[in-house]
Amino acid sequence: MKVSSFQVFDATAVSFPTLSDSFQVEHLYTFSVQLTYTAEAHYSGQVILEASNDGENWTSIHCEDEAGASGSLMLNVDQVGFRFFRINFKVITGTVNTLKAVAYCKGI
């Protein structure tokens, strides 16, 4: 079994919906993405994990509401049955000052 990790977002200031690049995951058994952010006190938003088999049509497979001046979130996916994933980070109110996300993967 092989393991790897890679950066999804790196300290990006976000004040509007932001999509990560898409990442190919078809040879993975499982992966997780850990997001950490700092924001204005009145920040609220959503972190949406999206999946696709063709890289063009995206389906939300997990959504978390976030709020407050800082936070951390772990998204875990077992039994990966799709080819690509991306993160859709939506700011509803406020501004995110820093955003970092790292993926950790296990597969063949």
PDB file of N, CA and C in Angstrom:
ATOM      1  N   MET A   1       0.847  -1.176   0.000  1.00  0.00           N
ATOM      2  CA  MET A   1       0.000   0.000   0.000  1.00  0.00           C
ATOM      3  C   MET A   1       0.892   1.238   0.000  1.00  0.00           C
ATOM      4  N   LYS A   2       0.525   2.200  -0.806  1.00  0.00           N
ATOM      5  CA  LYS A   2       1.256   3.465  -0.879  1.00  0.00           C
ATOM      6  C   LYS A   2       0.475   4.542  -0.139  1.00  0.00           C
ATOM      7  N   VAL A   3       1.203   5.469   0.456  1.00  0.00           N
ATOM      8  CA  VAL A   3       0.583   6.627   1.099  1.00  0.00           C
ATOM      9  C   VAL A   3       1.239   7.888   0.557  1.00  0.00           C
ATOM     10  N   SER A   4       0.482   8.958   0.515  1.00  0.00           N
ATOM     11  CA  SER A   4       1.033  10.237   0.077  1.00  0.00           C
ATOM     12  C   SER A   4       0.179  11.353   0.647  1.00  0.00           C
ATOM     13  N   SER A   5       0.722  12.542   0.598  1.00  0.00           N
ATOM     14  CA  SER A   5      -0.049  13.722   0.993  1.00  0.00           C
ATOM     15  C   SER A   5       0.289  14.856   0.035  1.00  0.00           C
ATOM     16  N   PHE A   6      -0.639  15.795  -0.075  1.00  0.00           N
ATOM     17  CA  PHE A   6      -0.406  16.941  -0.947  1.00  0.00           C
ATOM     18  C   PHE A   6      -1.264  18.109  -0.493  1.00  0.00           C
ATOM     19  N   GLN A   7      -0.836  19.296  -0.892  1.00  0.00           N
ATOM     20  CA  GLN A   7      -1.514  20.551  -0.554  1.00  0.00           C
ATOM     21  C   GLN A   7      -2.718  20.751  -1.471  1.00  0.00           C
ATOM     22  N   VAL A   8      -3.885  21.074  -0.901  1.00  0.00           N
ATOM     23  CA  VAL A   8      -5.074  21.399  -1.678  1.00  0.00           C
ATOM     24  C   VAL A   8      -5.243  22.919  -1.753  1.00  0.00           C
ATOM     25  N   PHE A   9      -5.175  23.588  -0.607  1.00  0.00           N
ATOM     26  CA  PHE A   9      -5.123  25.050  -0.503  1.00  0.00           C
ATOM     27  C   PHE A   9      -3.929  25.399   0.359  1.00  0.00           C
ATOM     28  N   ASP A  10      -3.329  26.579   0.131  1.00  0.00           N
ATOM     29  CA  ASP A  10      -2.214  26.999   0.964  1.00  0.00           C
ATOM     30  C   ASP A  10      -2.319  28.484   1.284  1.00  0.00           C
ATOM     31  N   ALA A  11      -2.824  28.791   2.479  1.00  0.00           N
ATOM     32  CA  ALA A  11      -2.863  30.155   3.029  1.00  0.00           C
ATOM     33  C   ALA A  11      -3.481  31.154   2.055  1.00  0.00           C
ATOM     34  N   THR A  12      -4.559  30.765   1.417  1.00  0.00           N
ATOM     35  CA  THR A  12      -5.223  31.614   0.445  1.00  0.00           C
ATOM     36  C   THR A  12      -6.261  32.492   1.128  1.00  0.00           C
ATOM     37  N   ALA A  13      -6.233  33.793   0.902  1.00  0.00           N
ATOM     38  CA  ALA A  13      -7.291  34.679   1.407  1.00  0.00           C
ATOM     39  C   ALA A  13      -8.526  34.476   0.543  1.00  0.00           C
ATOM     40  N   VAL A  14      -9.678  34.294   1.196  1.00  0.00           N
ATOM     41  CA  VAL A  14     -10.899  33.941   0.485  1.00  0.00           C
ATOM     42  C   VAL A  14     -12.041  34.837   0.943  1.00  0.00           C
ATOM     43  N   SER A  15     -12.684  35.544   0.018  1.00  0.00           N
ATOM     44  CA  SER A  15     -13.865  36.334   0.370  1.00  0.00           C
ATOM     45  C   SER A  15     -15.020  36.037  -0.586  1.00  0.00           C
ATOM     46  N   PHE A  16     -14.890  34.983  -1.360  1.00  0.00           N
ATOM     47  CA  PHE A  16     -15.908  34.574  -2.327  1.00  0.00           C
ATOM     48  C   PHE A  16     -15.789  33.061  -2.486  1.00  0.00           C
ATOM     49  N   PRO A  17     -16.754  32.402  -3.125  1.00  0.00           N
ATOM     50  CA  PRO A  17     -16.612  30.954  -3.314  1.00  0.00           C
ATOM     51  C   PRO A  17     -15.312  30.611  -4.030  1.00  0.00           C
ATOM     52  N   THR A  18     -14.612  29.607  -3.528  1.00  0.00           N
ATOM     53  CA  THR A  18     -13.330  29.209  -4.080  1.00  0.00           C
ATOM     54  C   THR A  18     -13.320  27.712  -4.327  1.00  0.00           C
ATOM     55  N   LEU A  19     -12.955  27.311  -5.518  1.00  0.00           N
ATOM     56  CA  LEU A  19     -12.810  25.902  -5.857  1.00  0.00           C
ATOM     57  C   LEU A  19     -11.337  25.532  -5.857  1.00  0.00           C
ATOM     58  N   SER A  20     -11.031  24.381  -5.293  1.00  0.00           N
ATOM     59  CA  SER A  20      -9.668  23.873  -5.409  1.00  0.00           C
ATOM     60  C   SER A  20      -9.480  23.300  -6.808  1.00  0.00           C
ATOM     61  N   ASP A  21      -8.260  22.989  -7.142  1.00  0.00           N
ATOM     62  CA  ASP A  21      -8.016  22.194  -8.341  1.00  0.00           C
ATOM     63  C   ASP A  21      -8.698  20.848  -8.140  1.00  0.00           C
ATOM     64  N   SER A  22      -8.903  20.107  -9.205  1.00  0.00           N
ATOM     65  CA  SER A  22      -9.422  18.746  -9.055  1.00  0.00           C
ATOM     66  C   SER A  22      -8.228  17.793  -8.959  1.00  0.00           C
ATOM     67  N   PHE A  23      -8.437  16.703  -8.216  1.00  0.00           N
ATOM     68  CA  PHE A  23      -7.363  15.736  -7.987  1.00  0.00           C
ATOM     69  C   PHE A  23      -7.858  14.342  -8.351  1.00  0.00           C
ATOM     70  N   GLN A  24      -7.029  13.614  -9.091  1.00  0.00           N
ATOM     71  CA  GLN A  24      -7.391  12.269  -9.505  1.00  0.00           C
ATOM     72  C   GLN A  24      -7.179  11.307  -8.339  1.00  0.00           C
ATOM     73  N   VAL A  25      -8.193  10.492  -8.039  1.00  0.00           N
ATOM     74  CA  VAL A  25      -8.135   9.598  -6.876  1.00  0.00           C
ATOM     75  C   VAL A  25      -8.585   8.175  -7.232  1.00  0.00           C
ATOM     76  N   GLU A  26      -8.569   7.823  -8.501  1.00  0.00           N
ATOM     77  CA  GLU A  26      -9.127   6.535  -8.912  1.00  0.00           C
ATOM     78  C   GLU A  26      -8.339   5.331  -8.409  1.00  0.00           C
ATOM     79  N   HIS A  27      -7.115   5.476  -7.953  1.00  0.00           N
ATOM     80  CA  HIS A  27      -6.332   4.349  -7.446  1.00  0.00           C
ATOM     81  C   HIS A  27      -6.217   4.376  -5.925  1.00  0.00           C
ATOM     82  N   LEU A  28      -7.102   5.113  -5.282  1.00  0.00           N
ATOM     83  CA  LEU A  28      -7.059   5.213  -3.823  1.00  0.00           C
ATOM     84  C   LEU A  28      -8.144   4.359  -3.187  1.00  0.00           C
ATOM     85  N   TYR A  29      -7.822   3.847  -2.004  1.00  0.00           N
ATOM     86  CA  TYR A  29      -8.824   3.164  -1.183  1.00  0.00           C
ATOM     87  C   TYR A  29      -9.523   4.163  -0.274  1.00  0.00           C
ATOM     88  N   THR A  30      -8.750   5.092   0.242  1.00  0.00           N
ATOM     89  CA  THR A  30      -9.266   6.054   1.211  1.00  0.00           C
ATOM     90  C   THR A  30      -8.431   7.324   1.150  1.00  0.00           C
ATOM     91  N   PHE A  31      -9.031   8.442   1.523  1.00  0.00           N
ATOM     92  CA  PHE A  31      -8.280   9.677   1.673  1.00  0.00           C
ATOM     93  C   PHE A  31      -9.021  10.579   2.651  1.00  0.00           C
ATOM     94  N   SER A  32      -8.277  11.519   3.191  1.00  0.00           N
ATOM     95  CA  SER A  32      -8.872  12.529   4.068  1.00  0.00           C
ATOM     96  C   SER A  32      -8.299  13.880   3.684  1.00  0.00           C
ATOM     97  N   VAL A  33      -9.059  14.918   3.990  1.00  0.00           N
ATOM     98  CA  VAL A  33      -8.601  16.280   3.765  1.00  0.00           C
ATOM     99  C   VAL A  33      -8.804  17.040   5.068  1.00  0.00           C
ATOM    100  N   GLN A  34      -7.731  17.655   5.558  1.00  0.00           N
ATOM    101  CA  GLN A  34      -7.833  18.481   6.761  1.00  0.00           C
ATOM    102  C   GLN A  34      -7.726  19.940   6.349  1.00  0.00           C
ATOM    103  N   LEU A  35      -8.742  20.729   6.732  1.00  0.00           N
ATOM    104  CA  LEU A  35      -8.769  22.156   6.446  1.00  0.00           C
ATOM    105  C   LEU A  35      -8.618  22.923   7.739  1.00  0.00           C
ATOM    106  N   THR A  36      -7.820  23.975   7.714  1.00  0.00           N
ATOM    107  CA  THR A  36      -7.717  24.909   8.836  1.00  0.00           C
ATOM    108  C   THR A  36      -7.834  26.314   8.259  1.00  0.00           C
ATOM    109  N   TYR A  37      -8.476  27.200   9.031  1.00  0.00           N
ATOM    110  CA  TYR A  37      -8.651  28.560   8.543  1.00  0.00           C
ATOM    111  C   TYR A  37      -8.675  29.536   9.713  1.00  0.00           C
ATOM    112  N   THR A  38      -8.351  30.787   9.399  1.00  0.00           N
ATOM    113  CA  THR A  38      -8.578  31.917  10.304  1.00  0.00           C
ATOM    114  C   THR A  38      -9.438  32.905   9.538  1.00  0.00           C
ATOM    115  N   ALA A  39     -10.361  33.555  10.261  1.00  0.00           N
ATOM    116  CA  ALA A  39     -11.324  34.423   9.590  1.00  0.00           C
ATOM    117  C   ALA A  39     -11.729  35.559  10.518  1.00  0.00           C
ATOM    118  N   GLU A  40     -12.525  36.466   9.960  1.00  0.00           N
ATOM    119  CA  GLU A  40     -13.138  37.505  10.775  1.00  0.00           C
ATOM    120  C   GLU A  40     -14.132  36.848  11.727  1.00  0.00           C
ATOM    121  N   ALA A  41     -14.393  37.488  12.848  1.00  0.00           N
ATOM    122  CA  ALA A  41     -15.260  36.912  13.877  1.00  0.00           C
ATOM    123  C   ALA A  41     -16.658  36.586  13.362  1.00  0.00           C
ATOM    124  N   HIS A  42     -17.159  37.343  12.390  1.00  0.00           N
ATOM    125  CA  HIS A  42     -18.514  37.122  11.902  1.00  0.00           C
ATOM    126  C   HIS A  42     -18.558  36.228  10.650  1.00  0.00           C
ATOM    127  N   TYR A  43     -17.503  35.479  10.391  1.00  0.00           N
ATOM    128  CA  TYR A  43     -17.459  34.588   9.237  1.00  0.00           C
ATOM    129  C   TYR A  43     -18.460  33.434   9.390  1.00  0.00           C
ATOM    130  N   SER A  44     -19.105  33.089   8.296  1.00  0.00           N
ATOM    131  CA  SER A  44     -19.832  31.828   8.185  1.00  0.00           C
ATOM    132  C   SER A  44     -19.694  31.332   6.756  1.00  0.00           C
ATOM    133  N   GLY A  45     -19.692  30.034   6.597  1.00  0.00           N
ATOM    134  CA  GLY A  45     -19.536  29.465   5.269  1.00  0.00           C
ATOM    135  C   GLY A  45     -19.767  27.980   5.258  1.00  0.00           C
ATOM    136  N   GLN A  46     -19.454  27.365   4.116  1.00  0.00           N
ATOM    137  CA  GLN A  46     -19.600  25.931   3.941  1.00  0.00           C
ATOM    138  C   GLN A  46     -18.361  25.356   3.265  1.00  0.00           C
ATOM    139  N   VAL A  47     -18.010  24.151   3.666  1.00  0.00           N
ATOM    140  CA  VAL A  47     -16.966  23.385   3.009  1.00  0.00           C
ATOM    141  C   VAL A  47     -17.657  22.186   2.368  1.00  0.00           C
ATOM    142  N   ILE A  48     -17.543  22.089   1.046  1.00  0.00           N
ATOM    143  CA  ILE A  48     -18.241  21.034   0.314  1.00  0.00           C
ATOM    144  C   ILE A  48     -17.214  20.178  -0.430  1.00  0.00           C
ATOM    145  N   LEU A  49     -17.247  18.879  -0.171  1.00  0.00           N
ATOM    146  CA  LEU A  49     -16.413  17.936  -0.898  1.00  0.00           C
ATOM    147  C   LEU A  49     -17.223  17.474  -2.102  1.00  0.00           C
ATOM    148  N   GLU A  50     -16.662  17.656  -3.294  1.00  0.00           N
ATOM    149  CA  GLU A  50     -17.350  17.286  -4.529  1.00  0.00           C
ATOM    150  C   GLU A  50     -16.591  16.176  -5.244  1.00  0.00           C
ATOM    151  N   ALA A  51     -17.330  15.286  -5.920  1.00  0.00           N
ATOM    152  CA  ALA A  51     -16.735  14.164  -6.642  1.00  0.00           C
ATOM    153  C   ALA A  51     -17.234  14.150  -8.081  1.00  0.00           C
ATOM    154  N   SER A  52     -16.417  13.538  -8.958  1.00  0.00           N
ATOM    155  CA  SER A  52     -16.773  13.450 -10.370  1.00  0.00           C
ATOM    156  C   SER A  52     -16.118  12.222 -10.989  1.00  0.00           C
ATOM    157  N   ASN A  53     -16.777  11.638 -11.967  1.00  0.00           N
ATOM    158  CA  ASN A  53     -16.173  10.558 -12.747  1.00  0.00           C
ATOM    159  C   ASN A  53     -15.618  11.042 -14.074  1.00  0.00           C
ATOM    160  N   ASP A  54     -16.088  12.205 -14.552  1.00  0.00           N
ATOM    161  CA  ASP A  54     -15.626  12.709 -15.847  1.00  0.00           C
ATOM    162  C   ASP A  54     -14.825  14.010 -15.741  1.00  0.00           C
ATOM    163  N   GLY A  55     -14.713  14.584 -14.542  1.00  0.00           N
ATOM    164  CA  GLY A  55     -13.967  15.830 -14.365  1.00  0.00           C
ATOM    165  C   GLY A  55     -14.716  17.063 -14.822  1.00  0.00           C
ATOM    166  N   GLU A  56     -15.968  16.912 -15.252  1.00  0.00           N
ATOM    167  CA  GLU A  56     -16.766  18.039 -15.715  1.00  0.00           C
ATOM    168  C   GLU A  56     -18.060  18.219 -14.926  1.00  0.00           C
ATOM    169  N   ASN A  57     -18.687  17.126 -14.553  1.00  0.00           N
ATOM    170  CA  ASN A  57     -19.942  17.159 -13.805  1.00  0.00           C
ATOM    171  C   ASN A  57     -19.644  16.769 -12.356  1.00  0.00           C
ATOM    172  N   TRP A  58     -19.997  17.643 -11.415  1.00  0.00           N
ATOM    173  CA  TRP A  58     -19.615  17.478 -10.016  1.00  0.00           C
ATOM    174  C   TRP A  58     -20.833  17.241  -9.140  1.00  0.00           C
ATOM    175  N   THR A  59     -20.685  16.342  -8.163  1.00  0.00           N
ATOM    176  CA  THR A  59     -21.725  16.004  -7.212  1.00  0.00           C
ATOM    177  C   THR A  59     -21.204  16.226  -5.802  1.00  0.00           C
ATOM    178  N   SER A  60     -21.960  16.912  -4.970  1.00  0.00           N
ATOM    179  CA  SER A  60     -21.580  17.115  -3.568  1.00  0.00           C
ATOM    180  C   SER A  60     -21.743  15.801  -2.819  1.00  0.00           C
ATOM    181  N   ILE A  61     -20.679  15.357  -2.131  1.00  0.00           N
ATOM    182  CA  ILE A  61     -20.770  14.117  -1.368  1.00  0.00           C
ATOM    183  C   ILE A  61     -20.638  14.359   0.133  1.00  0.00           C
ATOM    184  N   HIS A  62     -20.249  15.570   0.524  1.00  0.00           N
ATOM    185  CA  HIS A  62     -20.157  15.905   1.946  1.00  0.00           C
ATOM    186  C   HIS A  62     -20.190  17.431   2.081  1.00  0.00           C
ATOM    187  N   CYS A  63     -20.927  17.931   3.071  1.00  0.00           N
ATOM    188  CA  CYS A  63     -21.010  19.371   3.299  1.00  0.00           C
ATOM    189  C   CYS A  63     -20.963  19.645   4.789  1.00  0.00           C
ATOM    190  N   GLU A  64     -20.154  20.606   5.190  1.00  0.00           N
ATOM    191  CA  GLU A  64     -20.040  21.029   6.586  1.00  0.00           C
ATOM    192  C   GLU A  64     -20.230  22.532   6.660  1.00  0.00           C
ATOM    193  N   ASP A  65     -21.072  22.991   7.583  1.00  0.00           N
ATOM    194  CA  ASP A  65     -21.204  24.418   7.865  1.00  0.00           C
ATOM    195  C   ASP A  65     -20.117  24.819   8.840  1.00  0.00           C
ATOM    196  N   GLU A  66     -19.503  25.971   8.599  1.00  0.00           N
ATOM    197  CA  GLU A  66     -18.444  26.487   9.461  1.00  0.00           C
ATOM    198  C   GLU A  66     -18.774  27.911   9.863  1.00  0.00           C
ATOM    199  N   ALA A  67     -18.318  28.338  11.037  1.00  0.00           N
ATOM    200  CA  ALA A  67     -18.532  29.707  11.497  1.00  0.00           C
ATOM    201  C   ALA A  67     -17.491  30.050  12.546  1.00  0.00           C
ATOM    202  N   GLY A  68     -17.192  31.356  12.672  1.00  0.00           N
ATOM    203  CA  GLY A  68     -16.288  31.822  13.713  1.00  0.00           C
ATOM    204  C   GLY A  68     -14.952  32.277  13.188  1.00  0.00           C
ATOM    205  N   ALA A  69     -14.102  32.721  14.116  1.00  0.00           N
ATOM    206  CA  ALA A  69     -12.834  33.343  13.764  1.00  0.00           C
ATOM    207  C   ALA A  69     -11.765  32.359  13.321  1.00  0.00           C
ATOM    208  N   SER A  70     -11.895  31.095  13.678  1.00  0.00           N
ATOM    209  CA  SER A  70     -10.928  30.100  13.216  1.00  0.00           C
ATOM    210  C   SER A  70     -11.563  28.726  13.351  1.00  0.00           C
ATOM    211  N   GLY A  71     -11.014  27.784  12.624  1.00  0.00           N
ATOM    212  CA  GLY A  71     -11.570  26.446  12.691  1.00  0.00           C
ATOM    213  C   GLY A  71     -10.691  25.421  12.021  1.00  0.00           C
ATOM    214  N   SER A  72     -11.041  24.177  12.270  1.00  0.00           N
ATOM    215  CA  SER A  72     -10.353  23.044  11.685  1.00  0.00           C
ATOM    216  C   SER A  72     -11.393  21.977  11.387  1.00  0.00           C
ATOM    217  N   LEU A  73     -11.229  21.297  10.285  1.00  0.00           N
ATOM    218  CA  LEU A  73     -12.217  20.326   9.839  1.00  0.00           C
ATOM    219  C   LEU A  73     -11.502  19.175   9.146  1.00  0.00           C
ATOM    220  N   MET A  74     -11.947  17.941   9.418  1.00  0.00           N
ATOM    221  CA  MET A  74     -11.396  16.770   8.741  1.00  0.00           C
ATOM    222  C   MET A  74     -12.512  16.089   7.962  1.00  0.00           C
ATOM    223  N   LEU A  75     -12.294  15.910   6.668  1.00  0.00           N
ATOM    224  CA  LEU A  75     -13.220  15.174   5.809  1.00  0.00           C
ATOM    225  C   LEU A  75     -12.565  13.846   5.461  1.00  0.00           C
ATOM    226  N   ASN A  76     -13.238  12.731   5.735  1.00  0.00           N
ATOM    227  CA  ASN A  76     -12.677  11.411   5.502  1.00  0.00           C
ATOM    228  C   ASN A  76     -13.543  10.657   4.499  1.00  0.00           C
ATOM    229  N   VAL A  77     -12.908  10.040   3.494  1.00  0.00           N
ATOM    230  CA  VAL A  77     -13.634   9.287   2.477  1.00  0.00           C
ATOM    231  C   VAL A  77     -13.072   7.870   2.422  1.00  0.00           C
ATOM    232  N   ASP A  78     -13.919   6.882   2.706  1.00  0.00           N
ATOM    233  CA  ASP A  78     -13.556   5.468   2.575  1.00  0.00           C
ATOM    234  C   ASP A  78     -14.194   4.906   1.322  1.00  0.00           C
ATOM    235  N   GLN A  79     -13.637   3.843   0.796  1.00  0.00           N
ATOM    236  CA  GLN A  79     -14.164   3.162  -0.377  1.00  0.00           C
ATOM    237  C   GLN A  79     -14.402   4.139  -1.525  1.00  0.00           C
ATOM    238  N   VAL A  80     -13.334   4.749  -1.986  1.00  0.00           N
ATOM    239  CA  VAL A  80     -13.403   5.735  -3.066  1.00  0.00           C
ATOM    240  C   VAL A  80     -13.861   5.045  -4.349  1.00  0.00           C
ATOM    241  N   GLY A  81     -14.987   5.483  -4.887  1.00  0.00           N
ATOM    242  CA  GLY A  81     -15.525   4.885  -6.099  1.00  0.00           C
ATOM    243  C   GLY A  81     -15.663   5.883  -7.235  1.00  0.00           C
ATOM    244  N   PHE A  82     -14.943   6.988  -7.160  1.00  0.00           N
ATOM    245  CA  PHE A  82     -15.011   8.030  -8.191  1.00  0.00           C
ATOM    246  C   PHE A  82     -13.599   8.383  -8.627  1.00  0.00           C
ATOM    247  N   ARG A  83     -13.464   9.126  -9.727  1.00  0.00           N
ATOM    248  CA  ARG A  83     -12.142   9.418 -10.295  1.00  0.00           C
ATOM    249  C   ARG A  83     -11.501  10.692  -9.771  1.00  0.00           C
ATOM    250  N   PHE A  84     -12.308  11.728  -9.472  1.00  0.00           N
ATOM    251  CA  PHE A  84     -11.767  13.031  -9.102  1.00  0.00           C
ATOM    252  C   PHE A  84     -12.485  13.581  -7.877  1.00  0.00           C
ATOM    253  N   PHE A  85     -11.770  14.432  -7.118  1.00  0.00           N
ATOM    254  CA  PHE A  85     -12.430  15.196  -6.072  1.00  0.00           C
ATOM    255  C   PHE A  85     -11.915  16.626  -6.110  1.00  0.00           C
ATOM    256  N   ARG A  86     -12.687  17.513  -5.517  1.00  0.00           N
ATOM    257  CA  ARG A  86     -12.262  18.894  -5.319  1.00  0.00           C
ATOM    258  C   ARG A  86     -12.995  19.425  -4.088  1.00  0.00           C
ATOM    259  N   ILE A  87     -12.507  20.548  -3.567  1.00  0.00           N
ATOM    260  CA  ILE A  87     -13.128  21.222  -2.433  1.00  0.00           C
ATOM    261  C   ILE A  87     -13.758  22.518  -2.930  1.00  0.00           C
ATOM    262  N   ASN A  88     -15.002  22.718  -2.567  1.00  0.00           N
ATOM    263  CA  ASN A  88     -15.721  23.955  -2.868  1.00  0.00           C
ATOM    264  C   ASN A  88     -15.880  24.676  -1.529  1.00  0.00           C
ATOM    265  N   PHE A  89     -15.132  25.757  -1.336  1.00  0.00           N
ATOM    266  CA  PHE A  89     -15.123  26.516  -0.081  1.00  0.00           C
ATOM    267  C   PHE A  89     -15.970  27.767  -0.300  1.00  0.00           C
ATOM    268  N   LYS A  90     -17.151  27.803   0.319  1.00  0.00           N
ATOM    269  CA  LYS A  90     -18.085  28.907   0.109  1.00  0.00           C
ATOM    270  C   LYS A  90     -18.109  29.822   1.334  1.00  0.00           C
ATOM    271  N   VAL A  91     -17.846  31.083   1.113  1.00  0.00           N
ATOM    272  CA  VAL A  91     -17.969  32.096   2.156  1.00  0.00           C
ATOM    273  C   VAL A  91     -19.367  32.697   2.040  1.00  0.00           C
ATOM    274  N   ILE A  92     -20.127  32.636   3.133  1.00  0.00           N
ATOM    275  CA  ILE A  92     -21.468  33.211   3.140  1.00  0.00           C
ATOM    276  C   ILE A  92     -21.412  34.641   3.664  1.00  0.00           C
ATOM    277  N   THR A  93     -20.744  34.849   4.810  1.00  0.00           N
ATOM    278  CA  THR A  93     -20.524  36.197   5.345  1.00  0.00           C
ATOM    279  C   THR A  93     -19.091  36.298   5.841  1.00  0.00           C
ATOM    280  N   GLY A  94     -18.535  37.506   5.775  1.00  0.00           N
ATOM    281  CA  GLY A  94     -17.190  37.739   6.288  1.00  0.00           C
ATOM    282  C   GLY A  94     -16.106  37.405   5.291  1.00  0.00           C
ATOM    283  N   THR A  95     -14.882  37.376   5.798  1.00  0.00           N
ATOM    284  CA  THR A  95     -13.701  37.100   4.984  1.00  0.00           C
ATOM    285  C   THR A  95     -12.816  36.101   5.705  1.00  0.00           C
ATOM    286  N   VAL A  96     -12.299  35.155   4.965  1.00  0.00           N
ATOM    287  CA  VAL A  96     -11.328  34.199   5.498  1.00  0.00           C
ATOM    288  C   VAL A  96      -9.942  34.768   5.221  1.00  0.00           C
ATOM    289  N   ASN A  97      -9.129  34.900   6.267  1.00  0.00           N
ATOM    290  CA  ASN A  97      -7.791  35.469   6.115  1.00  0.00           C
ATOM    291  C   ASN A  97      -6.776  34.451   5.620  1.00  0.00           C
ATOM    292  N   THR A  98      -6.844  33.244   6.153  1.00  0.00           N
ATOM    293  CA  THR A  98      -5.947  32.179   5.691  1.00  0.00           C
ATOM    294  C   THR A  98      -6.741  30.887   5.571  1.00  0.00           C
ATOM    295  N   LEU A  99      -6.372  30.095   4.602  1.00  0.00           N
ATOM    296  CA  LEU A  99      -7.017  28.806   4.363  1.00  0.00           C
ATOM    297  C   LEU A  99      -5.943  27.820   3.951  1.00  0.00           C
ATOM    298  N   LYS A 100      -5.877  26.703   4.660  1.00  0.00           N
ATOM    299  CA  LYS A 100      -4.920  25.673   4.337  1.00  0.00           C
ATOM    300  C   LYS A 100      -5.659  24.339   4.327  1.00  0.00           C
ATOM    301  N   ALA A 101      -5.389  23.517   3.344  1.00  0.00           N
ATOM    302  CA  ALA A 101      -5.981  22.179   3.269  1.00  0.00           C
ATOM    303  C   ALA A 101      -4.929  21.201   2.753  1.00  0.00           C
ATOM    304  N   VAL A 102      -4.813  20.083   3.454  1.00  0.00           N
ATOM    305  CA  VAL A 102      -3.863  19.039   3.093  1.00  0.00           C
ATOM    306  C   VAL A 102      -4.611  17.722   2.966  1.00  0.00           C
ATOM    307  N   ALA A 103      -4.363  16.996   1.878  1.00  0.00           N
ATOM    308  CA  ALA A 103      -4.961  15.671   1.664  1.00  0.00           C
ATOM    309  C   ALA A 103      -3.947  14.596   2.025  1.00  0.00           C
ATOM    310  N   TYR A 104      -4.435  13.527   2.631  1.00  0.00           N
ATOM    311  CA  TYR A 104      -3.613  12.366   2.972  1.00  0.00           C
ATOM    312  C   TYR A 104      -4.289  11.152   2.341  1.00  0.00           C
ATOM    313  N   CYS A 105      -3.544  10.382   1.548  1.00  0.00           N
ATOM    314  CA  CYS A 105      -4.134   9.333   0.717  1.00  0.00           C
ATOM    315  C   CYS A 105      -3.476   7.984   0.946  1.00  0.00           C
ATOM    316  N   LYS A 106      -4.286   6.907   0.832  1.00  0.00           N
ATOM    317  CA  LYS A 106      -3.795   5.530   0.873  1.00  0.00           C
ATOM    318  C   LYS A 106      -4.376   4.796  -0.328  1.00  0.00           C
ATOM    319  N   GLY A 107      -3.503   4.094  -1.056  1.00  0.00           N
ATOM    320  CA  GLY A 107      -3.971   3.373  -2.241  1.00  0.00           C
ATOM    321  C   GLY A 107      -2.900   2.496  -2.828  1.00  0.00           C
ATOM    322  N   ILE A 108      -3.103   2.154  -4.096  1.00  0.00           N
ATOM    323  CA  ILE A 108      -2.150   1.277  -4.774  1.00  0.00           C
ATOM    324  C   ILE A 108      -1.267   2.090  -5.707  1.00  0.00           C
TER     325      ILE A 108
END
